[in-house]
N, C-alpha and C. Protein backbone atom coordinates (compact mmCIF):
# COMPACT_ATOMS: atom_id res chain seq x y z
N UNK A 1 25.58 17.36 11.84
CA UNK A 1 24.17 17.40 11.87
C UNK A 1 23.63 17.29 10.45
N UNK A 2 22.56 16.55 10.30
CA UNK A 2 21.91 16.32 9.01
C UNK A 2 20.87 17.42 8.71
N UNK A 3 20.90 18.00 7.52
CA UNK A 3 19.91 18.98 7.15
C UNK A 3 18.58 18.30 6.81
N UNK A 4 17.48 18.82 7.29
CA UNK A 4 16.14 18.28 7.01
C UNK A 4 15.71 18.66 5.62
N UNK A 5 16.08 19.85 5.19
CA UNK A 5 15.70 20.30 3.82
C UNK A 5 16.94 20.45 2.96
N UNK A 6 16.83 20.06 1.72
CA UNK A 6 17.91 20.26 0.76
C UNK A 6 17.83 21.63 0.13
N UNK A 7 16.74 22.34 0.39
CA UNK A 7 16.52 23.69 -0.10
C UNK A 7 15.41 24.29 0.73
N UNK A 8 15.03 25.49 0.37
CA UNK A 8 13.96 26.18 1.08
C UNK A 8 12.62 25.71 0.56
N UNK A 9 11.73 25.16 1.44
CA UNK A 9 10.43 24.77 0.98
C UNK A 9 9.64 25.93 0.49
N UNK A 10 8.91 25.73 -0.59
CA UNK A 10 8.14 26.85 -1.20
C UNK A 10 6.64 26.58 -1.03
N UNK A 11 5.94 27.57 -0.53
CA UNK A 11 4.46 27.41 -0.44
C UNK A 11 3.78 27.43 -1.83
N UNK A 12 4.55 27.75 -2.86
CA UNK A 12 4.03 27.81 -4.23
C UNK A 12 3.97 26.44 -4.92
N UNK A 13 4.60 25.43 -4.36
CA UNK A 13 4.67 24.09 -4.96
C UNK A 13 3.73 23.13 -4.21
N UNK A 14 3.24 22.16 -4.99
CA UNK A 14 2.39 21.11 -4.38
C UNK A 14 3.23 20.29 -3.39
N UNK A 15 2.62 20.00 -2.27
CA UNK A 15 3.29 19.16 -1.25
C UNK A 15 2.59 17.80 -1.09
N UNK A 16 1.30 17.75 -1.47
CA UNK A 16 0.58 16.51 -1.28
C UNK A 16 -0.49 16.41 -2.36
N UNK A 17 -1.07 15.24 -2.48
CA UNK A 17 -2.16 15.08 -3.44
C UNK A 17 -1.93 13.92 -4.40
N UNK A 18 -1.85 14.24 -5.67
CA UNK A 18 -1.76 13.18 -6.69
C UNK A 18 -0.47 12.38 -6.52
N UNK A 19 -0.54 11.12 -6.92
CA UNK A 19 0.61 10.24 -6.86
C UNK A 19 0.47 9.16 -7.92
N UNK A 20 1.57 8.64 -8.38
CA UNK A 20 1.55 7.50 -9.27
C UNK A 20 2.40 6.38 -8.73
N UNK A 21 2.10 5.14 -9.14
CA UNK A 21 2.79 3.98 -8.60
C UNK A 21 3.00 3.00 -9.72
N UNK A 22 4.23 2.44 -9.75
CA UNK A 22 4.54 1.39 -10.72
C UNK A 22 5.11 0.20 -9.98
N UNK A 23 4.64 -0.97 -10.38
CA UNK A 23 5.17 -2.24 -9.87
C UNK A 23 5.83 -2.96 -11.04
N UNK A 24 7.13 -3.19 -10.91
CA UNK A 24 7.92 -3.78 -12.02
C UNK A 24 7.66 -3.05 -13.36
N UNK A 25 7.58 -1.73 -13.31
CA UNK A 25 7.45 -0.94 -14.51
C UNK A 25 6.00 -0.80 -15.02
N UNK A 26 5.02 -1.45 -14.39
CA UNK A 26 3.67 -1.40 -14.81
C UNK A 26 2.89 -0.43 -13.90
N UNK A 27 2.28 0.59 -14.50
CA UNK A 27 1.53 1.54 -13.73
C UNK A 27 0.22 0.87 -13.19
N UNK A 28 -0.03 1.13 -11.88
CA UNK A 28 -1.25 0.66 -11.26
C UNK A 28 -2.08 1.86 -10.76
N UNK A 29 -3.34 1.65 -10.62
CA UNK A 29 -4.25 2.73 -10.15
C UNK A 29 -4.17 2.86 -8.63
N UNK A 30 -3.75 4.02 -8.13
CA UNK A 30 -3.75 4.29 -6.71
C UNK A 30 -5.07 4.91 -6.35
N UNK A 31 -5.86 4.25 -5.48
CA UNK A 31 -7.14 4.82 -5.05
C UNK A 31 -6.89 5.80 -3.94
N UNK A 32 -6.05 5.48 -2.97
CA UNK A 32 -5.75 6.39 -1.85
C UNK A 32 -4.66 5.83 -0.98
N UNK A 33 -4.30 6.61 0.06
CA UNK A 33 -3.45 6.20 1.13
C UNK A 33 -2.06 5.68 0.72
N UNK A 34 -1.46 6.31 -0.30
CA UNK A 34 -0.08 5.94 -0.59
C UNK A 34 0.79 6.47 0.50
N UNK A 35 1.58 5.58 1.11
CA UNK A 35 2.49 5.98 2.18
C UNK A 35 3.77 5.19 2.06
N UNK A 36 4.82 5.75 2.74
CA UNK A 36 6.09 5.08 2.71
C UNK A 36 6.93 5.34 3.93
N UNK A 37 7.91 4.52 4.14
CA UNK A 37 8.89 4.77 5.24
C UNK A 37 10.24 4.37 4.67
N UNK A 38 11.11 5.33 4.49
CA UNK A 38 12.46 5.07 3.96
C UNK A 38 13.55 5.11 5.04
N UNK A 39 13.15 5.14 6.32
CA UNK A 39 14.16 5.18 7.38
C UNK A 39 14.73 3.79 7.53
N UNK A 40 16.11 3.71 7.57
CA UNK A 40 16.74 2.41 7.62
C UNK A 40 16.98 1.80 9.00
N UNK A 41 16.73 2.60 10.05
CA UNK A 41 16.98 2.10 11.41
C UNK A 41 15.80 2.41 12.32
N UNK A 42 15.72 1.64 13.39
CA UNK A 42 14.72 1.88 14.46
C UNK A 42 15.50 2.08 15.74
N UNK A 43 15.22 3.14 16.43
CA UNK A 43 15.90 3.41 17.69
C UNK A 43 14.87 3.38 18.84
N UNK A 44 15.38 2.85 19.94
CA UNK A 44 14.53 2.79 21.17
C UNK A 44 15.43 3.13 22.37
N UNK A 45 14.86 3.92 23.28
CA UNK A 45 15.60 4.24 24.50
C UNK A 45 15.72 3.02 25.41
N UNK A 46 16.83 2.94 26.09
CA UNK A 46 17.03 1.93 27.14
C UNK A 46 16.70 2.63 28.47
N UNK A 47 15.66 2.21 29.09
CA UNK A 47 15.22 2.83 30.34
C UNK A 47 15.43 1.84 31.50
N UNK A 48 16.15 2.28 32.49
CA UNK A 48 16.39 1.45 33.69
C UNK A 48 15.88 2.15 34.92
N UNK A 49 16.08 1.51 36.02
CA UNK A 49 15.63 2.09 37.29
C UNK A 49 16.37 3.36 37.63
N UNK A 50 17.55 3.52 37.07
CA UNK A 50 18.30 4.76 37.37
C UNK A 50 18.14 5.84 36.30
N UNK A 51 17.27 5.61 35.31
CA UNK A 51 17.01 6.64 34.30
C UNK A 51 17.28 6.16 32.88
N UNK A 52 17.42 7.13 31.97
CA UNK A 52 17.74 6.81 30.60
C UNK A 52 19.18 6.36 30.51
N UNK A 53 19.40 5.22 29.86
CA UNK A 53 20.75 4.63 29.87
C UNK A 53 21.27 4.44 28.43
N UNK A 54 20.79 5.26 27.52
CA UNK A 54 21.25 5.15 26.13
C UNK A 54 20.10 4.66 25.24
N UNK A 55 20.50 4.12 24.08
CA UNK A 55 19.50 3.62 23.19
C UNK A 55 20.02 2.44 22.35
N UNK A 56 19.10 1.72 21.76
CA UNK A 56 19.46 0.64 20.84
C UNK A 56 19.15 1.14 19.42
N UNK A 57 19.87 0.60 18.50
CA UNK A 57 19.64 0.96 17.08
C UNK A 57 19.69 -0.34 16.31
N UNK A 58 18.58 -0.67 15.62
CA UNK A 58 18.50 -1.87 14.81
C UNK A 58 18.07 -1.55 13.41
N UNK A 59 18.55 -2.35 12.45
CA UNK A 59 18.15 -2.21 11.06
C UNK A 59 16.69 -2.59 10.93
N UNK A 60 15.96 -1.90 10.04
CA UNK A 60 14.58 -2.30 9.77
C UNK A 60 14.30 -2.12 8.29
N UNK A 61 13.28 -2.81 7.84
CA UNK A 61 12.86 -2.72 6.44
C UNK A 61 12.05 -1.45 6.23
N UNK A 62 12.20 -0.84 5.12
CA UNK A 62 11.33 0.28 4.72
C UNK A 62 10.10 -0.33 4.09
N UNK A 63 9.19 0.56 3.69
CA UNK A 63 8.00 0.05 3.00
C UNK A 63 7.37 1.14 2.09
N UNK A 64 6.61 0.65 1.13
CA UNK A 64 5.71 1.45 0.30
C UNK A 64 4.39 0.76 0.35
N UNK A 65 3.34 1.48 0.69
CA UNK A 65 2.02 0.87 0.77
C UNK A 65 0.97 1.80 0.09
N UNK A 66 -0.14 1.20 -0.30
CA UNK A 66 -1.17 2.02 -0.93
C UNK A 66 -2.47 1.18 -0.96
N UNK A 67 -3.56 1.91 -1.14
CA UNK A 67 -4.83 1.29 -1.49
C UNK A 67 -4.96 1.35 -2.98
N UNK A 68 -4.99 0.20 -3.64
CA UNK A 68 -5.04 0.14 -5.10
C UNK A 68 -6.50 -0.09 -5.57
N UNK A 69 -6.72 0.32 -6.81
CA UNK A 69 -8.05 0.13 -7.42
C UNK A 69 -8.01 -1.18 -8.21
N UNK A 70 -8.92 -2.07 -7.95
CA UNK A 70 -9.00 -3.35 -8.62
C UNK A 70 -9.49 -3.16 -10.05
N UNK A 71 -9.16 -4.05 -10.93
CA UNK A 71 -9.64 -3.96 -12.31
C UNK A 71 -9.71 -5.40 -12.86
N UNK A 72 -10.37 -5.57 -13.97
CA UNK A 72 -10.50 -6.88 -14.61
C UNK A 72 -9.15 -7.45 -15.05
N UNK A 73 -8.21 -6.56 -15.27
CA UNK A 73 -6.88 -7.04 -15.75
C UNK A 73 -5.84 -7.18 -14.63
N UNK A 74 -6.17 -6.79 -13.40
CA UNK A 74 -5.22 -6.91 -12.30
C UNK A 74 -5.62 -8.11 -11.43
N UNK A 75 -4.59 -8.87 -11.01
CA UNK A 75 -4.86 -10.00 -10.10
C UNK A 75 -4.29 -9.65 -8.72
N UNK A 76 -5.18 -9.52 -7.78
CA UNK A 76 -4.78 -9.30 -6.39
C UNK A 76 -3.94 -10.43 -5.89
N UNK A 77 -4.31 -11.66 -6.25
CA UNK A 77 -3.57 -12.84 -5.79
C UNK A 77 -2.13 -12.88 -6.34
N UNK A 78 -1.97 -12.39 -7.57
CA UNK A 78 -0.63 -12.44 -8.19
C UNK A 78 0.36 -11.47 -7.58
N UNK A 79 -0.14 -10.47 -6.82
CA UNK A 79 0.82 -9.58 -6.19
C UNK A 79 1.72 -10.32 -5.22
N UNK A 80 1.17 -11.26 -4.53
CA UNK A 80 2.00 -12.11 -3.57
C UNK A 80 2.87 -13.06 -4.39
N UNK A 81 2.32 -13.60 -5.46
CA UNK A 81 3.02 -14.62 -6.25
C UNK A 81 4.14 -14.11 -7.09
N UNK A 82 4.23 -12.84 -7.43
CA UNK A 82 5.24 -12.40 -8.33
C UNK A 82 6.63 -12.31 -7.69
N UNK A 83 6.72 -12.44 -6.36
CA UNK A 83 8.00 -12.44 -5.71
C UNK A 83 8.59 -11.01 -5.55
N UNK A 84 9.91 -10.92 -5.43
CA UNK A 84 10.54 -9.61 -5.25
C UNK A 84 10.28 -8.72 -6.46
N UNK A 85 9.94 -7.45 -6.19
CA UNK A 85 9.63 -6.49 -7.27
C UNK A 85 10.34 -5.14 -7.04
N UNK A 86 10.31 -4.35 -8.09
CA UNK A 86 10.68 -2.95 -8.01
C UNK A 86 9.39 -2.13 -7.91
N UNK A 87 9.36 -1.17 -6.99
CA UNK A 87 8.22 -0.29 -6.82
C UNK A 87 8.71 1.15 -6.87
N UNK A 88 8.07 1.94 -7.67
CA UNK A 88 8.42 3.37 -7.79
C UNK A 88 7.13 4.19 -7.60
N UNK A 89 7.21 5.14 -6.65
CA UNK A 89 6.12 6.07 -6.43
C UNK A 89 6.61 7.50 -6.75
N UNK A 90 5.79 8.25 -7.48
CA UNK A 90 6.11 9.64 -7.78
C UNK A 90 5.03 10.47 -7.12
N UNK A 91 5.45 11.38 -6.22
CA UNK A 91 4.56 12.17 -5.39
C UNK A 91 4.26 13.52 -5.99
N UNK A 92 3.22 14.17 -5.61
CA UNK A 92 2.87 15.50 -6.09
C UNK A 92 3.99 16.52 -5.94
N UNK A 93 4.82 16.37 -4.93
CA UNK A 93 5.91 17.29 -4.64
C UNK A 93 7.08 17.08 -5.62
N UNK A 94 7.01 16.00 -6.42
CA UNK A 94 8.14 15.70 -7.34
C UNK A 94 9.07 14.68 -6.71
N UNK A 95 8.92 14.39 -5.46
CA UNK A 95 9.73 13.38 -4.82
C UNK A 95 9.49 12.02 -5.41
N UNK A 96 10.56 11.25 -5.56
CA UNK A 96 10.49 9.85 -6.06
C UNK A 96 10.87 8.94 -4.92
N UNK A 97 10.03 7.97 -4.64
CA UNK A 97 10.27 6.97 -3.65
C UNK A 97 10.37 5.62 -4.36
N UNK A 98 11.48 4.92 -4.14
CA UNK A 98 11.68 3.68 -4.91
C UNK A 98 12.31 2.58 -4.05
N UNK A 99 11.99 1.38 -4.38
CA UNK A 99 12.56 0.24 -3.75
C UNK A 99 12.76 -0.92 -4.74
N UNK A 100 13.86 -1.60 -4.61
CA UNK A 100 14.12 -2.79 -5.44
C UNK A 100 14.16 -3.99 -4.55
N UNK A 101 13.74 -5.10 -5.06
CA UNK A 101 13.74 -6.38 -4.34
C UNK A 101 12.82 -6.26 -3.09
N UNK A 102 11.68 -5.61 -3.32
CA UNK A 102 10.65 -5.55 -2.26
C UNK A 102 9.71 -6.73 -2.39
N UNK A 103 9.22 -7.17 -1.24
CA UNK A 103 8.24 -8.24 -1.26
C UNK A 103 6.94 -7.77 -0.66
N UNK A 104 5.83 -8.30 -1.18
CA UNK A 104 4.51 -7.98 -0.66
C UNK A 104 4.31 -8.70 0.64
N UNK A 105 4.25 -7.96 1.73
CA UNK A 105 4.10 -8.57 3.05
C UNK A 105 2.66 -8.53 3.50
N UNK A 106 1.85 -7.64 2.98
CA UNK A 106 0.46 -7.55 3.33
C UNK A 106 -0.40 -7.26 2.08
N UNK A 107 -1.33 -8.10 1.78
CA UNK A 107 -2.27 -7.87 0.70
C UNK A 107 -3.65 -8.06 1.29
N UNK A 108 -4.45 -6.98 1.28
CA UNK A 108 -5.76 -7.03 1.90
C UNK A 108 -6.80 -7.61 0.98
N UNK A 109 -7.97 -7.89 1.55
CA UNK A 109 -9.09 -8.38 0.79
C UNK A 109 -9.63 -7.30 -0.13
N UNK A 110 -10.22 -7.65 -1.24
CA UNK A 110 -10.78 -6.71 -2.15
C UNK A 110 -12.15 -6.27 -1.66
N UNK A 111 -12.32 -4.97 -1.48
CA UNK A 111 -13.61 -4.37 -1.17
C UNK A 111 -14.33 -4.18 -2.48
N UNK A 112 -15.32 -5.03 -2.71
CA UNK A 112 -15.98 -5.01 -4.00
C UNK A 112 -16.92 -3.79 -4.16
N UNK A 113 -17.38 -3.21 -3.10
CA UNK A 113 -18.21 -2.01 -3.18
C UNK A 113 -17.39 -0.85 -3.72
N UNK A 114 -16.13 -0.74 -3.36
CA UNK A 114 -15.29 0.32 -3.78
C UNK A 114 -14.27 -0.12 -4.87
N UNK A 115 -14.13 -1.44 -5.04
CA UNK A 115 -13.15 -1.93 -5.99
C UNK A 115 -11.73 -1.61 -5.56
N UNK A 116 -11.40 -1.77 -4.25
CA UNK A 116 -10.05 -1.44 -3.74
C UNK A 116 -9.51 -2.53 -2.86
N UNK A 117 -8.24 -2.54 -2.72
CA UNK A 117 -7.54 -3.42 -1.75
C UNK A 117 -6.21 -2.80 -1.36
N UNK A 118 -5.75 -3.09 -0.16
CA UNK A 118 -4.55 -2.51 0.35
C UNK A 118 -3.36 -3.48 0.11
N UNK A 119 -2.20 -2.92 -0.18
CA UNK A 119 -1.04 -3.72 -0.36
C UNK A 119 0.18 -2.98 0.27
N UNK A 120 1.07 -3.75 0.84
CA UNK A 120 2.27 -3.22 1.47
C UNK A 120 3.47 -4.02 0.99
N UNK A 121 4.47 -3.25 0.45
CA UNK A 121 5.72 -3.88 -0.01
C UNK A 121 6.82 -3.43 0.95
N UNK A 122 7.63 -4.42 1.41
CA UNK A 122 8.70 -4.09 2.35
C UNK A 122 10.05 -4.50 1.81
N UNK A 123 11.07 -3.75 2.19
CA UNK A 123 12.45 -3.98 1.81
C UNK A 123 13.20 -2.64 1.81
N UNK A 124 14.34 -2.60 1.14
CA UNK A 124 15.10 -1.37 1.08
C UNK A 124 14.41 -0.33 0.23
N UNK A 125 14.09 0.85 0.85
CA UNK A 125 13.36 1.90 0.17
C UNK A 125 14.21 3.23 0.29
N UNK A 126 14.27 3.98 -0.81
CA UNK A 126 14.98 5.22 -0.81
C UNK A 126 14.10 6.34 -1.34
N UNK A 127 14.34 7.55 -0.95
CA UNK A 127 13.60 8.69 -1.47
C UNK A 127 14.59 9.72 -2.05
N UNK A 128 14.14 10.39 -3.10
CA UNK A 128 15.00 11.44 -3.72
C UNK A 128 14.10 12.57 -4.22
N UNK A 129 14.66 13.77 -4.21
CA UNK A 129 13.93 14.93 -4.73
C UNK A 129 14.37 15.21 -6.15
N UNK A 130 13.46 15.75 -6.93
CA UNK A 130 13.82 16.02 -8.31
C UNK A 130 14.37 17.40 -8.41
């Protein structure tokens, strides 16, 4: 059995809130909604007329996504054009989420009223605690 916690969670430590993000070593402004999925497989039940008959397990890509703050020096269009990248997120809890050779699969339109746009990078993603 796999342990969910590597130690005892403490109510004294931050669990959510501030986060930082780097794309190819360059810090970008995270406006909100930093999220990730580091699970390497997707499982689905096989359901037949006689009941549950097991499950399937397939490999899937992980992701790191966020709503970024636009700036005069950032090019939203270049996020797609830069090709495979390394992305590192550092969370308030101290957890580090990282992926290498990730590609931008979704880049949203820039909301000029807020100066934000959404981006999603997919590929192999791992998480580690500090």
